[in-house]
Protein backbone atom coordinates (compact mmCIF):
# COMPACT_ATOMS: atom_id res chain seq x y z
CA MET A 1 66.92 -15.36 -35.59
CA THR A 2 64.04 -13.92 -33.55
CA THR A 3 64.62 -14.37 -29.83
CA THR A 4 62.06 -14.65 -27.04
CA VAL A 5 62.93 -11.15 -25.89
CA ASP A 6 62.49 -9.82 -29.45
CA ARG A 7 59.03 -11.37 -29.55
CA ILE A 8 58.05 -9.80 -26.23
CA ALA A 9 58.95 -6.36 -27.59
CA GLU A 10 57.19 -6.99 -30.91
CA GLU A 11 53.97 -8.23 -29.33
CA ALA A 12 53.88 -5.36 -26.83
CA GLU A 13 54.36 -2.83 -29.62
CA ARG A 14 51.68 -4.48 -31.77
CA LEU A 15 49.27 -4.40 -28.82
CA THR A 16 49.98 -0.71 -28.14
CA THR A 17 49.60 0.32 -31.77
CA THR A 18 46.28 -1.53 -31.96
CA ILE A 19 44.88 0.04 -28.79
CA ALA A 20 46.08 3.54 -29.72
CA ALA A 21 43.91 3.31 -32.86
CA THR A 22 40.90 1.89 -30.98
CA ASP A 23 38.16 3.45 -28.86
CA PRO A 24 39.68 3.28 -25.34
CA SER A 25 36.29 2.26 -23.94
CA ALA A 26 35.96 -0.69 -26.34
CA PRO A 27 35.28 -3.88 -24.36
CA VAL A 28 37.79 -6.71 -24.42
CA PRO A 29 35.75 -9.85 -25.24
CA ASN A 30 38.08 -12.27 -23.47
CA CYS A 31 38.34 -10.06 -20.37
CA PRO A 32 34.83 -9.32 -19.05
CA GLY A 33 34.67 -5.86 -17.52
CA TRP A 34 37.88 -4.66 -19.14
CA THR A 35 38.24 -1.93 -21.74
CA ALA A 36 41.01 -1.46 -24.28
CA GLN A 37 42.48 1.20 -21.98
CA ASP A 38 42.43 -1.22 -19.03
CA LEU A 39 44.31 -3.75 -21.14
CA LEU A 40 47.07 -1.29 -22.03
CA ALA A 41 47.34 -0.22 -18.38
CA HIS A 42 47.65 -3.86 -17.29
CA VAL A 43 50.46 -4.66 -19.72
CA THR A 44 52.25 -1.45 -18.71
CA GLU A 45 51.96 -2.36 -15.04
CA VAL A 46 53.15 -5.92 -15.64
CA HIS A 47 56.23 -4.78 -17.56
CA GLU A 48 57.07 -2.17 -14.93
CA PHE A 49 56.74 -4.74 -12.15
CA TRP A 50 58.88 -7.44 -13.76
CA GLY A 51 61.43 -4.92 -14.97
CA GLN A 52 61.87 -3.76 -11.38
CA LEU A 53 62.03 -7.32 -10.06
CA LEU A 54 64.86 -8.06 -12.46
CA ALA A 55 66.67 -4.76 -11.93
CA THR A 56 66.68 -5.18 -8.15
CA GLY A 57 67.36 -8.92 -8.15
CA ALA A 58 64.23 -9.62 -6.08
CA ARG A 59 64.36 -12.97 -4.30
CA THR A 60 61.66 -12.91 -1.60
CA ASP A 61 57.97 -12.16 -1.10
CA GLU A 62 59.02 -9.06 0.82
CA ASP A 63 61.06 -7.86 -2.16
CA SER A 64 58.14 -8.28 -4.54
CA GLU A 65 55.68 -6.67 -2.12
CA SER A 66 57.88 -3.59 -1.73
CA ILE A 67 57.95 -3.16 -5.50
CA GLU A 68 54.20 -3.62 -5.66
CA ALA A 69 53.66 -1.05 -2.90
CA ALA A 70 55.82 1.53 -4.66
CA LYS A 71 54.10 1.32 -8.05
CA VAL A 72 52.90 4.55 -9.65
CA PRO A 73 49.14 4.67 -10.33
CA MET A 74 48.00 4.29 -13.92
CA PRO A 75 46.53 7.38 -15.65
CA GLU A 76 42.76 7.48 -16.00
CA GLY A 77 40.16 9.53 -17.84
CA ASP A 78 40.62 11.58 -20.99
CA GLY A 79 44.07 11.27 -22.49
CA ALA A 80 44.96 8.18 -20.50
CA VAL A 81 45.89 6.10 -23.53
CA GLU A 82 48.12 8.88 -24.86
CA ALA A 83 49.91 8.96 -21.49
CA LEU A 84 50.15 5.19 -21.29
CA VAL A 85 51.80 4.68 -24.69
CA PRO A 86 55.23 6.17 -23.81
CA ARG A 87 55.03 4.71 -20.32
CA ARG A 88 54.45 1.23 -21.73
CA GLN A 89 57.29 1.69 -24.19
CA ALA A 90 59.68 2.69 -21.40
CA ALA A 91 58.52 -0.22 -19.22
CA THR A 92 59.03 -2.72 -22.03
CA ALA A 93 62.46 -1.28 -22.84
CA THR A 94 63.54 -1.82 -19.22
CA LEU A 95 62.09 -5.33 -19.16
CA VAL A 96 63.80 -6.27 -22.42
CA GLU A 97 67.11 -4.81 -21.26
CA GLN A 98 67.00 -6.75 -18.00
CA LEU A 99 65.97 -10.04 -19.61
CA THR A 100 68.70 -9.70 -22.23
CA ALA A 101 71.38 -9.10 -19.61
CA ARG A 102 70.49 -12.07 -17.40
CA ASP A 103 71.03 -15.81 -17.61
CA GLU A 104 68.08 -18.24 -17.67
CA ALA A 105 69.17 -19.95 -14.45
CA GLU A 106 69.72 -16.76 -12.45
CA PRO A 107 67.56 -16.76 -9.28
CA LEU A 108 64.53 -14.46 -9.26
CA TRP A 109 61.34 -14.20 -7.23
CA THR A 110 58.28 -15.46 -9.15
CA TRP A 111 54.72 -16.34 -8.13
CA PHE A 112 55.35 -19.98 -9.13
CA SER A 113 57.09 -21.81 -6.30
CA ALA A 114 58.45 -24.57 -8.56
CA ASP A 115 60.50 -22.17 -10.70
CA GLN A 116 62.23 -19.16 -9.17
CA SER A 117 64.37 -18.13 -12.12
CA VAL A 118 64.85 -15.52 -14.81
CA GLY A 119 63.97 -18.20 -17.35
CA PHE A 120 60.47 -18.44 -15.88
CA ALA A 121 60.01 -14.68 -16.21
CA ARG A 122 61.22 -14.69 -19.81
CA ARG A 123 58.85 -17.49 -20.80
CA MET A 124 55.90 -16.05 -18.89
CA GLN A 125 56.32 -12.58 -20.36
CA LEU A 126 56.36 -13.98 -23.89
CA HIS A 127 52.99 -15.63 -23.39
CA GLU A 128 51.63 -12.66 -21.43
CA ALA A 129 52.45 -10.27 -24.28
CA THR A 130 51.18 -12.66 -26.97
CA MET A 131 47.90 -13.39 -25.18
CA HIS A 132 47.16 -9.73 -24.53
CA ARG A 133 48.06 -8.72 -28.09
CA VAL A 134 45.33 -11.13 -29.20
CA ASP A 135 43.00 -9.49 -26.65
CA ALA A 136 43.78 -6.07 -28.15
CA GLU A 137 43.02 -7.22 -31.69
CA LEU A 138 39.74 -8.75 -30.53
CA ALA A 139 38.79 -5.47 -28.80
CA ALA A 140 39.60 -3.58 -31.98
CA GLY A 141 37.66 -6.01 -34.17
CA LYS A 142 40.78 -6.69 -36.24
CA PRO A 143 41.88 -9.99 -37.81
CA LEU A 144 44.16 -11.89 -35.47
CA THR A 145 47.85 -11.83 -36.32
CA PRO A 146 49.00 -15.47 -36.51
CA ILE A 147 51.02 -16.77 -33.57
CA ASP A 148 54.28 -18.49 -34.40
CA PRO A 149 53.66 -22.28 -34.15
CA GLU A 150 56.60 -22.74 -31.78
CA VAL A 151 55.25 -20.04 -29.45
CA ALA A 152 51.73 -21.44 -29.68
CA GLY A 153 52.92 -24.94 -28.82
CA ASP A 154 54.87 -23.69 -25.84
CA GLY A 155 51.83 -21.67 -24.79
CA VAL A 156 49.81 -24.86 -24.45
CA ALA A 157 52.64 -26.41 -22.45
CA GLN A 158 52.77 -23.30 -20.25
CA VAL A 159 49.09 -23.63 -19.39
CA ILE A 160 49.54 -27.28 -18.41
CA GLU A 161 52.90 -27.05 -16.67
CA VAL A 162 52.47 -23.70 -14.93
CA MET A 163 49.03 -22.08 -14.99
CA HIS A 164 47.13 -25.24 -14.03
CA ALA A 165 49.85 -26.69 -11.84
CA SER A 166 50.20 -23.46 -9.85
CA ALA A 167 46.72 -23.98 -8.40
CA TYR A 168 48.27 -26.58 -6.10
CA ASP A 169 50.23 -23.81 -4.38
CA TRP A 170 46.99 -22.43 -2.97
CA ILE A 171 45.46 -25.65 -1.62
CA PRO A 172 45.50 -25.62 2.22
CA GLU A 173 47.50 -28.29 3.99
CA TRP A 174 44.36 -29.52 5.75
CA ALA A 175 42.46 -30.12 2.51
CA THR A 176 41.94 -33.40 0.70
CA VAL A 177 42.26 -33.67 -3.08
CA GLU A 178 39.89 -35.81 -5.12
CA GLN A 179 40.69 -36.75 -8.71
CA LEU A 180 37.68 -36.20 -10.95
CA ALA A 181 38.91 -37.02 -14.44
CA THR A 182 41.89 -37.30 -16.75
CA LEU A 183 41.94 -35.13 -19.84
CA THR A 184 44.11 -36.16 -22.78
CA LEU A 185 45.34 -33.33 -25.00
CA THR A 186 46.46 -34.50 -28.43
CA PRO A 187 48.23 -31.96 -30.68
CA THR A 188 47.16 -31.95 -34.32
CA ASP A 189 50.48 -30.81 -35.78
CA ALA A 190 53.39 -31.94 -33.61
CA GLY A 191 54.31 -33.29 -30.21
CA GLN A 192 53.03 -36.09 -28.01
CA PRO A 193 49.68 -36.39 -26.20
CA VAL A 194 49.65 -35.07 -22.63
CA GLU A 195 47.41 -36.29 -19.83
CA VAL A 196 46.05 -33.66 -17.44
CA GLU A 197 44.59 -34.74 -14.10
CA ILE A 198 41.52 -32.72 -13.10
CA SER A 199 40.97 -32.65 -9.33
CA ARG A 200 38.91 -30.92 -6.68
CA TRP A 201 39.97 -30.07 -3.16
CA GLY A 202 37.80 -29.75 -0.10
CA GLY A 203 37.49 -30.43 3.59
CA ALA A 204 36.70 -28.71 6.84
CA LEU A 205 39.14 -26.79 9.01
CA GLY A 206 38.55 -27.80 12.63
CA ARG A 207 38.51 -25.22 15.40
CA ALA A 208 41.67 -26.53 17.06
CA THR A 209 43.50 -26.48 13.74
CA ALA A 210 42.15 -23.02 13.01
CA ARG A 211 43.49 -21.73 16.33
CA ARG A 212 46.89 -23.27 15.67
CA SER A 213 47.02 -22.01 12.10
CA ALA A 214 45.77 -18.48 12.80
CA PRO A 215 46.46 -17.25 9.26
CA SER A 216 47.11 -13.57 8.71
CA SER A 217 44.63 -11.47 6.76
CA ARG A 218 47.04 -11.58 3.83
CA ASP A 219 47.01 -15.40 3.74
CA ARG A 220 43.40 -16.00 4.69
CA CYS A 221 42.11 -15.67 1.15
CA ARG A 222 44.79 -16.24 -1.47
CA PRO A 223 44.06 -16.01 -5.19
CA THR A 224 43.53 -19.21 -7.13
CA PRO A 225 44.79 -19.02 -10.73
CA THR A 226 41.81 -19.64 -12.96
CA PRO A 227 42.39 -21.19 -16.41
CA GLY A 228 40.87 -18.87 -19.00
CA ALA A 229 40.77 -15.83 -16.73
CA CYS A 230 42.18 -12.73 -18.37
CA ARG A 231 44.33 -11.43 -15.55
CA THR A 232 47.30 -13.73 -15.19
CA PRO A 233 49.27 -13.72 -11.96
CA ALA A 234 52.14 -11.78 -13.44
CA HIS A 235 52.50 -10.00 -10.10
CA PRO A 236 50.38 -10.02 -6.95
CA PRO A 237 47.17 -8.69 -8.56
CA THR A 238 43.57 -8.33 -7.62
CA PRO A 239 42.46 -11.68 -9.04
CA PRO A 240 39.34 -12.30 -11.12
CA ARG A 241 38.12 -14.43 -8.27
CA SER A 242 39.54 -15.97 -5.12
CA THR A 243 38.80 -19.13 -3.25
CA CYS A 244 38.49 -19.52 0.50
CA GLY A 245 37.05 -22.88 1.41
CA SER A 246 36.30 -25.99 -0.58
CA GLY A 247 35.42 -26.86 -4.12
CA ALA A 248 38.23 -25.17 -6.00
CA ALA A 249 39.29 -27.01 -9.12
CA ALA A 250 42.92 -27.82 -9.75
CA SER A 251 44.81 -29.74 -12.37
CA ARG A 252 48.27 -31.06 -13.09
CA SER A 253 49.96 -32.82 -15.95
CA ARG A 254 51.50 -36.26 -15.72
């Protein structure tokens, strides 16, 4: 029986093999501005970060930030892909080892406030590796390797339950949320329809409130997860875009 951890390792290896045989400067269609080399560096960085989170038993923002601050820069220029391949393999080996050794319910820092567990990391890393393997095959112009139906179905659920829902973590307390529409997703093969509420937040922060709030520079402009954006919030990244103010879209399932 193929486990989630097995699939993470398989997808990461398939991605690496594909990129190693591809022009490192090849653009990644689903990730505007990224090259095949950037994609391999991203997956390497993600696996290093989560492997360290698990190995150290990180529980707080401070724990995750210290790991982020200590990361080793990715290689660049000629020969970067050749240097990244063994580094990615080592990072994935550590991640797989840590995930295998830990229980689903074990506490762990994650960027999703509703689920601070090893189980969240295991599920997220499966979809991270699968999504980016597809990105690698698109960059290489290769036929897409089919995704296991069970993984694909859970990937849709992950988008609804986590990626969209996490946008609510970034809405300021002073904002108001306006429902715009309800989207019904109906699977064609299995499962029940799911309704997704599409909303928009907005409002004005008064001067008195602003003085009381006095957010730090770190909190003043926090990234808003964007459905469809290539860089997922696997760790505190430089986001594809950030939102400070009104008009950000959010959604949640019901």
